[in-house]
Every structure is written in structure tokens, then in C-alpha cells.
Amino acid sequence: MVDVKTYKCFPTLIHEFKLDLYHDKMLDYVYGMDIRSVVTGPVQDDLHKSLIFKPLVDELTLMHDSILQKLDYEYDKIEITNMWANRLYKSDSHSPHTHSNNFLSGVYYLLGEKNETSPIQFFDPRVQVNILQPKRKNNNPNNSSMLSFDSVSGTGLIFPAWLQHWVPPTQHERISVSWNVIIRGHYGEPKTLQNAYI
């Protein structure tokens, strides 16, 4: 038997988390907003500045710091650039998109249930991978070009802002809070003429 060593090269990391937060005040706030979804443009994209969302923001700040430390990034500060609510009604969807001009993005579900509200689906960013696709015995993260994560109240995801994703039509009302993050500090290597301080 030949010993085969496998390397995971250039992985795209999606971080899932669960929080035990009190959602009622956040949900009341969202119900009071005049929104359907981000498709028509969020009415308010600064929820991270609201005291109602402070418990969520505090948890997110700690999580982002932990993720960036594990990935060995050097930075001065983590900044949530914007945060908004998405409210999808039955049959609503959210078309494929990315979050430009940010480093990380995330979503946290205030109202959702497995098998009732639509999942979020991420697309493999490697264009070349679709050139040849053998028949799969079973779908798994190593042989799929799209991955789904259920939209369940109290769960959330943090992912690269450039990673394309969408929400297919939902069967029931679905409410989430989304955000973008940039890290302040040095980008690139010094003296390469391709570096910056942001």
C-alpha cells in the first residue's frame, strides 16, 4: 500500500458559530424597520452602532479577533464597517453577490428554522474546478461546487467578503443580520510598491 499524503491548498474558510442571545429586542427593531430585504437596499446599515445590537456586536468582535489570530494575521484594529437586517418573506430570495471593499463578512439568524427557511449557499470561487466533474457517490465539501448552511435562529457564519453566495426562495419568513469587517493595519509586504496602510 502506498502512503499518500494530502494537502489542503488554498482553502476557503467559513466559520460557523452559535450564540445564546436574547433576540426579542433585535427582532422588534427589525419589525419596526421598513424593509423586505437588502435586494432593494437596506434602509439602515449602521445597526452595529445601536445599543440594541451591542450584545451581538460584542460577541462578533471577540470572534473575529479569535479567527484572525488563528489565521496569523497582524493588524491594529478590527472594524465593522456596516451592519444591516435582511427580512425575507415566503418565496423571497437573495440573488448571488459578494461584499466588496471589505475583508470578512457574516450573517446571524434572528428568525429561521432548518428545513423551513432557506439556507445560505456559497459557490466555489475556483472557476477551473467546473471544467470536469466526475459523478459523485455523495456530496461533500471536497467534491462540491456549492455548499449550503441552514438558517437556524441563534447560529451565524463568518466568511471571506469576496466569496459569492445567495439565498434561494424561502418557504417561511427569514430574518438575519449581516455585516462587513475590515481590518485596519498594514497590507502587503514593505518596500514592494504594492503595500498600504489602511
C-alpha atoms as a PDB file:
ATOM      1  CA  MET A   1       0.000   0.000   0.000  1.00  0.00           C
ATOM      2  CA  VAL A   2       1.375   3.400  -0.992  1.00  0.00           C
ATOM      3  CA  ASP A   3       1.264   6.111   1.646  1.00  0.00           C
ATOM      4  CA  VAL A   4      -0.487   9.144   0.136  1.00  0.00           C
ATOM      5  CA  LYS A   5      -0.217  12.482   1.899  1.00  0.00           C
ATOM      6  CA  THR A   6      -2.983  15.022   1.211  1.00  0.00           C
ATOM      7  CA  TYR A   7      -2.549  18.799   1.468  1.00  0.00           C
ATOM      8  CA  LYS A   8      -5.451  21.245   1.683  1.00  0.00           C
ATOM      9  CA  CYS A   9      -4.133  24.020  -0.539  1.00  0.00           C
ATOM     10  CA  PHE A  10      -5.683  27.476  -0.687  1.00  0.00           C
ATOM     11  CA  PRO A  11      -8.717  26.599   1.433  1.00  0.00           C
ATOM     12  CA  THR A  12     -11.726  28.900   1.646  1.00  0.00           C
ATOM     13  CA  LEU A  13     -12.698  29.068   5.296  1.00  0.00           C
ATOM     14  CA  ILE A  14     -16.261  29.503   6.531  1.00  0.00           C
ATOM     15  CA  HIS A  15     -16.630  29.776  10.311  1.00  0.00           C
ATOM     16  CA  GLU A  16     -19.905  28.695  11.925  1.00  0.00           C
ATOM     17  CA  PHE A  17     -20.907  29.762  15.428  1.00  0.00           C
ATOM     18  CA  LYS A  18     -23.842  29.588  17.849  1.00  0.00           C
ATOM     19  CA  LEU A  19     -24.831  32.269  20.328  1.00  0.00           C
ATOM     20  CA  ASP A  20     -27.288  32.249  23.198  1.00  0.00           C
ATOM     21  CA  LEU A  21     -28.551  35.811  22.821  1.00  0.00           C
ATOM     22  CA  TYR A  22     -31.909  37.338  23.631  1.00  0.00           C
ATOM     23  CA  HIS A  23     -33.439  38.072  20.203  1.00  0.00           C
ATOM     24  CA  ASP A  24     -36.725  39.773  21.112  1.00  0.00           C
ATOM     25  CA  LYS A  25     -35.421  43.366  21.172  1.00  0.00           C
ATOM     26  CA  MET A  26     -33.459  42.888  17.952  1.00  0.00           C
ATOM     27  CA  LEU A  27     -36.483  41.307  16.249  1.00  0.00           C
ATOM     28  CA  ASP A  28     -38.760  44.125  17.444  1.00  0.00           C
ATOM     29  CA  TYR A  29     -36.292  46.613  15.990  1.00  0.00           C
ATOM     30  CA  VAL A  30     -36.247  44.801  12.621  1.00  0.00           C
ATOM     31  CA  TYR A  31     -40.060  44.501  12.563  1.00  0.00           C
ATOM     32  CA  GLY A  32     -40.188  48.270  13.063  1.00  0.00           C
ATOM     33  CA  MET A  33     -37.978  48.885  10.031  1.00  0.00           C
ATOM     34  CA  ASP A  34     -39.462  49.351   6.571  1.00  0.00           C
ATOM     35  CA  ILE A  35     -37.506  46.628   4.777  1.00  0.00           C
ATOM     36  CA  ARG A  36     -38.101  43.485   2.798  1.00  0.00           C
ATOM     37  CA  SER A  37     -34.521  42.552   2.012  1.00  0.00           C
ATOM     38  CA  VAL A  38     -31.176  44.013   1.053  1.00  0.00           C
ATOM     39  CA  VAL A  39     -32.171  43.478  -2.600  1.00  0.00           C
ATOM     40  CA  THR A  40     -33.988  46.820  -2.546  1.00  0.00           C
ATOM     41  CA  GLY A  41     -31.244  48.361  -0.431  1.00  0.00           C
ATOM     42  CA  PRO A  42     -31.070  48.326   3.354  1.00  0.00           C
ATOM     43  CA  VAL A  43     -32.808  51.270   4.942  1.00  0.00           C
ATOM     44  CA  GLN A  44     -30.282  51.275   7.766  1.00  0.00           C
ATOM     45  CA  ASP A  45     -26.761  49.866   7.531  1.00  0.00           C
ATOM     46  CA  ASP A  46     -25.363  51.034  10.883  1.00  0.00           C
ATOM     47  CA  LEU A  47     -27.046  48.598  13.275  1.00  0.00           C
ATOM     48  CA  HIS A  48     -23.627  47.963  14.858  1.00  0.00           C
ATOM     49  CA  LYS A  49     -23.912  51.433  16.437  1.00  0.00           C
ATOM     50  CA  SER A  50     -27.245  50.678  18.108  1.00  0.00           C
ATOM     51  CA  LEU A  51     -27.348  49.664  21.783  1.00  0.00           C
ATOM     52  CA  ILE A  52     -29.970  47.052  20.887  1.00  0.00           C
ATOM     53  CA  PHE A  53     -27.409  45.170  18.796  1.00  0.00           C
ATOM     54  CA  LYS A  54     -24.477  45.739  21.193  1.00  0.00           C
ATOM     55  CA  PRO A  55     -24.572  42.210  22.701  1.00  0.00           C
ATOM     56  CA  LEU A  56     -24.246  40.760  19.180  1.00  0.00           C
ATOM     57  CA  VAL A  57     -21.516  43.234  18.185  1.00  0.00           C
ATOM     58  CA  ASP A  58     -19.510  42.450  21.344  1.00  0.00           C
ATOM     59  CA  GLU A  59     -19.616  38.703  20.579  1.00  0.00           C
ATOM     60  CA  LEU A  60     -18.719  39.292  16.925  1.00  0.00           C
ATOM     61  CA  THR A  61     -15.720  41.439  17.829  1.00  0.00           C
ATOM     62  CA  LEU A  62     -14.315  38.650  20.017  1.00  0.00           C
ATOM     63  CA  MET A  63     -14.983  36.010  17.345  1.00  0.00           C
ATOM     64  CA  HIS A  64     -13.364  37.996  14.551  1.00  0.00           C
ATOM     65  CA  ASP A  65     -10.308  38.611  16.723  1.00  0.00           C
ATOM     66  CA  SER A  66     -10.048  34.883  17.517  1.00  0.00           C
ATOM     67  CA  ILE A  67     -10.378  33.913  13.835  1.00  0.00           C
ATOM     68  CA  LEU A  68      -7.778  36.438  12.676  1.00  0.00           C
ATOM     69  CA  GLN A  69      -5.358  35.363  15.428  1.00  0.00           C
ATOM     70  CA  LYS A  70      -5.702  31.695  14.385  1.00  0.00           C
ATOM     71  CA  LEU A  71      -5.015  32.684  10.771  1.00  0.00           C
ATOM     72  CA  ASP A  72      -1.856  34.527  11.881  1.00  0.00           C
ATOM     73  CA  TYR A  73      -2.822  37.958  10.575  1.00  0.00           C
ATOM     74  CA  GLU A  74      -1.177  41.059  12.004  1.00  0.00           C
ATOM     75  CA  TYR A  75      -3.454  44.053  12.412  1.00  0.00           C
ATOM     76  CA  ASP A  76      -4.097  47.131  14.523  1.00  0.00           C
ATOM     77  CA  LYS A  77      -7.869  47.061  14.790  1.00  0.00           C
ATOM     78  CA  ILE A  78     -10.994  45.188  13.683  1.00  0.00           C
ATOM     79  CA  GLU A  79     -13.723  47.463  12.377  1.00  0.00           C
ATOM     80  CA  ILE A  80     -17.300  46.576  11.497  1.00  0.00           C
ATOM     81  CA  THR A  81     -17.911  48.863   8.524  1.00  0.00           C
ATOM     82  CA  ASN A  82     -21.645  48.250   8.304  1.00  0.00           C
ATOM     83  CA  MET A  83     -24.400  46.027   9.649  1.00  0.00           C
ATOM     84  CA  TRP A  84     -27.944  45.638   8.364  1.00  0.00           C
ATOM     85  CA  ALA A  85     -31.034  43.450   8.644  1.00  0.00           C
ATOM     86  CA  ASN A  86     -32.499  41.217   5.950  1.00  0.00           C
ATOM     87  CA  ARG A  87     -36.138  40.169   6.106  1.00  0.00           C
ATOM     88  CA  LEU A  88     -37.287  37.639   3.545  1.00  0.00           C
ATOM     89  CA  TYR A  89     -40.936  36.693   3.217  1.00  0.00           C
ATOM     90  CA  LYS A  90     -42.275  33.465   1.703  1.00  0.00           C
ATOM     91  CA  SER A  91     -40.921  32.989  -1.852  1.00  0.00           C
ATOM     92  CA  ASP A  92     -38.335  35.794  -1.484  1.00  0.00           C
ATOM     93  CA  SER A  93     -34.733  35.083  -2.441  1.00  0.00           C
ATOM     94  CA  HIS A  94     -31.452  36.986  -2.466  1.00  0.00           C
ATOM     95  CA  SER A  95     -29.512  36.804  -5.734  1.00  0.00           C
ATOM     96  CA  PRO A  96     -25.805  35.797  -5.938  1.00  0.00           C
ATOM     97  CA  HIS A  97     -23.484  38.512  -4.666  1.00  0.00           C
ATOM     98  CA  THR A  98     -20.252  39.329  -2.818  1.00  0.00           C
ATOM     99  CA  HIS A  99     -19.409  42.093  -0.319  1.00  0.00           C
ATOM    100  CA  SER A 100     -16.882  44.416  -1.959  1.00  0.00           C
ATOM    101  CA  ASN A 101     -14.373  46.640  -0.157  1.00  0.00           C
ATOM    102  CA  ASN A 102     -14.281  44.504   2.996  1.00  0.00           C
ATOM    103  CA  PHE A 103     -12.170  41.618   4.288  1.00  0.00           C
ATOM    104  CA  LEU A 104     -14.711  39.456   6.131  1.00  0.00           C
ATOM    105  CA  SER A 105     -18.499  39.295   6.115  1.00  0.00           C
ATOM    106  CA  GLY A 106     -21.027  37.486   8.212  1.00  0.00           C
ATOM    107  CA  VAL A 107     -24.629  36.591   8.853  1.00  0.00           C
ATOM    108  CA  TYR A 108     -26.503  35.814  12.074  1.00  0.00           C
ATOM    109  CA  TYR A 109     -30.038  34.427  12.131  1.00  0.00           C
ATOM    110  CA  LEU A 110     -32.647  36.048  14.361  1.00  0.00           C
ATOM    111  CA  LEU A 111     -35.509  34.044  12.827  1.00  0.00           C
ATOM    112  CA  GLY A 112     -35.016  30.804  10.924  1.00  0.00           C
ATOM    113  CA  GLU A 113     -35.529  27.083  11.188  1.00  0.00           C
ATOM    114  CA  LYS A 114     -33.919  24.101   9.494  1.00  0.00           C
ATOM    115  CA  ASN A 115     -35.948  22.746   6.562  1.00  0.00           C
ATOM    116  CA  GLU A 116     -38.363  25.694   6.765  1.00  0.00           C
ATOM    117  CA  THR A 117     -36.292  28.755   5.902  1.00  0.00           C
ATOM    118  CA  SER A 118     -33.839  28.821   3.021  1.00  0.00           C
ATOM    119  CA  PRO A 119     -30.175  28.099   3.653  1.00  0.00           C
ATOM    120  CA  ILE A 120     -27.348  30.344   2.564  1.00  0.00           C
ATOM    121  CA  GLN A 121     -25.379  28.786  -0.284  1.00  0.00           C
ATOM    122  CA  PHE A 122     -21.740  29.501  -1.166  1.00  0.00           C
ATOM    123  CA  PHE A 123     -20.177  28.942  -4.589  1.00  0.00           C
ATOM    124  CA  ASP A 124     -16.708  27.506  -5.196  1.00  0.00           C
ATOM    125  CA  PRO A 125     -14.584  30.513  -6.259  1.00  0.00           C
ATOM    126  CA  ARG A 126     -12.226  28.401  -8.393  1.00  0.00           C
ATOM    127  CA  VAL A 127     -13.545  28.793 -11.941  1.00  0.00           C
ATOM    128  CA  GLN A 128     -11.365  25.983 -13.308  1.00  0.00           C
ATOM    129  CA  VAL A 129     -12.860  23.371 -10.979  1.00  0.00           C
ATOM    130  CA  ASN A 130     -16.015  23.158 -13.116  1.00  0.00           C
ATOM    131  CA  ILE A 131     -14.181  22.075 -16.264  1.00  0.00           C
ATOM    132  CA  LEU A 132     -14.557  18.372 -15.462  1.00  0.00           C
ATOM    133  CA  GLN A 133     -16.849  16.962 -12.769  1.00  0.00           C
ATOM    134  CA  PRO A 134     -16.956  13.177 -12.273  1.00  0.00           C
ATOM    135  CA  LYS A 135     -20.201  11.701 -10.946  1.00  0.00           C
ATOM    136  CA  ARG A 136     -20.246  11.859  -7.148  1.00  0.00           C
ATOM    137  CA  LYS A 137     -21.214   8.986  -4.855  1.00  0.00           C
ATOM    138  CA  ASN A 138     -22.051  11.517  -2.128  1.00  0.00           C
ATOM    139  CA  ASN A 139     -21.753  15.288  -1.945  1.00  0.00           C
ATOM    140  CA  ASN A 140     -19.150  16.569   0.482  1.00  0.00           C
ATOM    141  CA  PRO A 141     -17.052  19.736   0.868  1.00  0.00           C
ATOM    142  CA  ASN A 142     -14.198  18.194  -1.153  1.00  0.00           C
ATOM    143  CA  ASN A 143     -16.205  17.389  -4.299  1.00  0.00           C
ATOM    144  CA  SER A 144     -18.947  20.057  -4.419  1.00  0.00           C
ATOM    145  CA  SER A 145     -19.063  23.387  -6.218  1.00  0.00           C
ATOM    146  CA  MET A 146     -21.707  24.758  -3.855  1.00  0.00           C
ATOM    147  CA  LEU A 147     -22.174  24.331  -0.091  1.00  0.00           C
ATOM    148  CA  SER A 148     -25.318  25.072   1.938  1.00  0.00           C
ATOM    149  CA  PHE A 149     -25.622  26.125   5.572  1.00  0.00           C
ATOM    150  CA  ASP A 150     -29.001  26.094   7.313  1.00  0.00           C
ATOM    151  CA  SER A 151     -30.531  29.345   8.545  1.00  0.00           C
ATOM    152  CA  VAL A 152     -31.295  28.475  12.163  1.00  0.00           C
ATOM    153  CA  SER A 153     -32.051  31.065  14.866  1.00  0.00           C
ATOM    154  CA  GLY A 154     -29.014  31.668  17.060  1.00  0.00           C
ATOM    155  CA  THR A 155     -26.451  30.477  14.511  1.00  0.00           C
ATOM    156  CA  GLY A 156     -24.192  32.504  12.273  1.00  0.00           C
ATOM    157  CA  LEU A 157     -21.371  32.356   9.763  1.00  0.00           C
ATOM    158  CA  ILE A 158     -18.238  34.404   9.112  1.00  0.00           C
ATOM    159  CA  PHE A 159     -16.694  34.125   5.644  1.00  0.00           C
ATOM    160  CA  PRO A 160     -14.407  35.956   3.202  1.00  0.00           C
ATOM    161  CA  ALA A 161     -16.192  39.034   1.846  1.00  0.00           C
ATOM    162  CA  TRP A 162     -15.224  38.047  -1.713  1.00  0.00           C
ATOM    163  CA  LEU A 163     -16.936  34.639  -1.529  1.00  0.00           C
ATOM    164  CA  GLN A 164     -20.044  34.588  -3.721  1.00  0.00           C
ATOM    165  CA  HIS A 165     -23.251  33.457  -2.030  1.00  0.00           C
ATOM    166  CA  TRP A 166     -27.018  33.635  -2.352  1.00  0.00           C
ATOM    167  CA  VAL A 167     -30.277  32.647  -0.667  1.00  0.00           C
ATOM    168  CA  PRO A 168     -32.757  30.565  -2.690  1.00  0.00           C
ATOM    169  CA  PRO A 169     -36.514  31.212  -2.319  1.00  0.00           C
ATOM    170  CA  THR A 170     -37.625  30.643   1.255  1.00  0.00           C
ATOM    171  CA  GLN A 171     -40.754  28.803   2.373  1.00  0.00           C
ATOM    172  CA  HIS A 172     -41.234  30.879   5.526  1.00  0.00           C
ATOM    173  CA  GLU A 173     -40.243  34.278   6.848  1.00  0.00           C
ATOM    174  CA  ARG A 174     -36.495  34.522   7.492  1.00  0.00           C
ATOM    175  CA  ILE A 175     -34.729  37.337   9.381  1.00  0.00           C
ATOM    176  CA  SER A 176     -30.988  37.771   9.570  1.00  0.00           C
ATOM    177  CA  VAL A 177     -28.431  40.407  10.461  1.00  0.00           C
ATOM    178  CA  SER A 178     -25.434  40.756   8.131  1.00  0.00           C
ATOM    179  CA  TRP A 179     -22.218  42.735   8.499  1.00  0.00           C
ATOM    180  CA  ASN A 180     -18.877  43.540   6.912  1.00  0.00           C
ATOM    181  CA  VAL A 181     -15.483  43.841   8.567  1.00  0.00           C
ATOM    182  CA  ILE A 182     -12.229  45.431   7.551  1.00  0.00           C
ATOM    183  CA  ILE A 183      -9.019  45.077   9.491  1.00  0.00           C
ATOM    184  CA  ARG A 184      -7.013  48.245   9.984  1.00  0.00           C
ATOM    185  CA  GLY A 185      -3.267  47.947   9.598  1.00  0.00           C
ATOM    186  CA  HIS A 186      -0.573  47.120   7.063  1.00  0.00           C
ATOM    187  CA  TYR A 187      -1.435  45.306   3.830  1.00  0.00           C
ATOM    188  CA  GLY A 188       1.196  43.678   1.622  1.00  0.00           C
ATOM    189  CA  GLU A 189       4.887  43.422   2.327  1.00  0.00           C
ATOM    190  CA  PRO A 190       7.046  46.504   2.990  1.00  0.00           C
ATOM    191  CA  LYS A 191       9.037  48.002   0.111  1.00  0.00           C
ATOM    192  CA  THR A 192       7.224  46.016  -2.582  1.00  0.00           C
ATOM    193  CA  LEU A 193       5.429  49.043  -4.037  1.00  0.00           C
ATOM    194  CA  GLN A 194       2.259  47.021  -3.505  1.00  0.00           C
ATOM    195  CA  ASN A 195       1.773  47.710   0.173  1.00  0.00           C
ATOM    196  CA  ALA A 196      -0.560  50.073   2.001  1.00  0.00           C
ATOM    197  CA  TYR A 197      -1.713  51.114   5.431  1.00  0.00           C
ATOM    198  CA  ILE A 198      -5.488  51.030   5.589  1.00  0.00           C
END
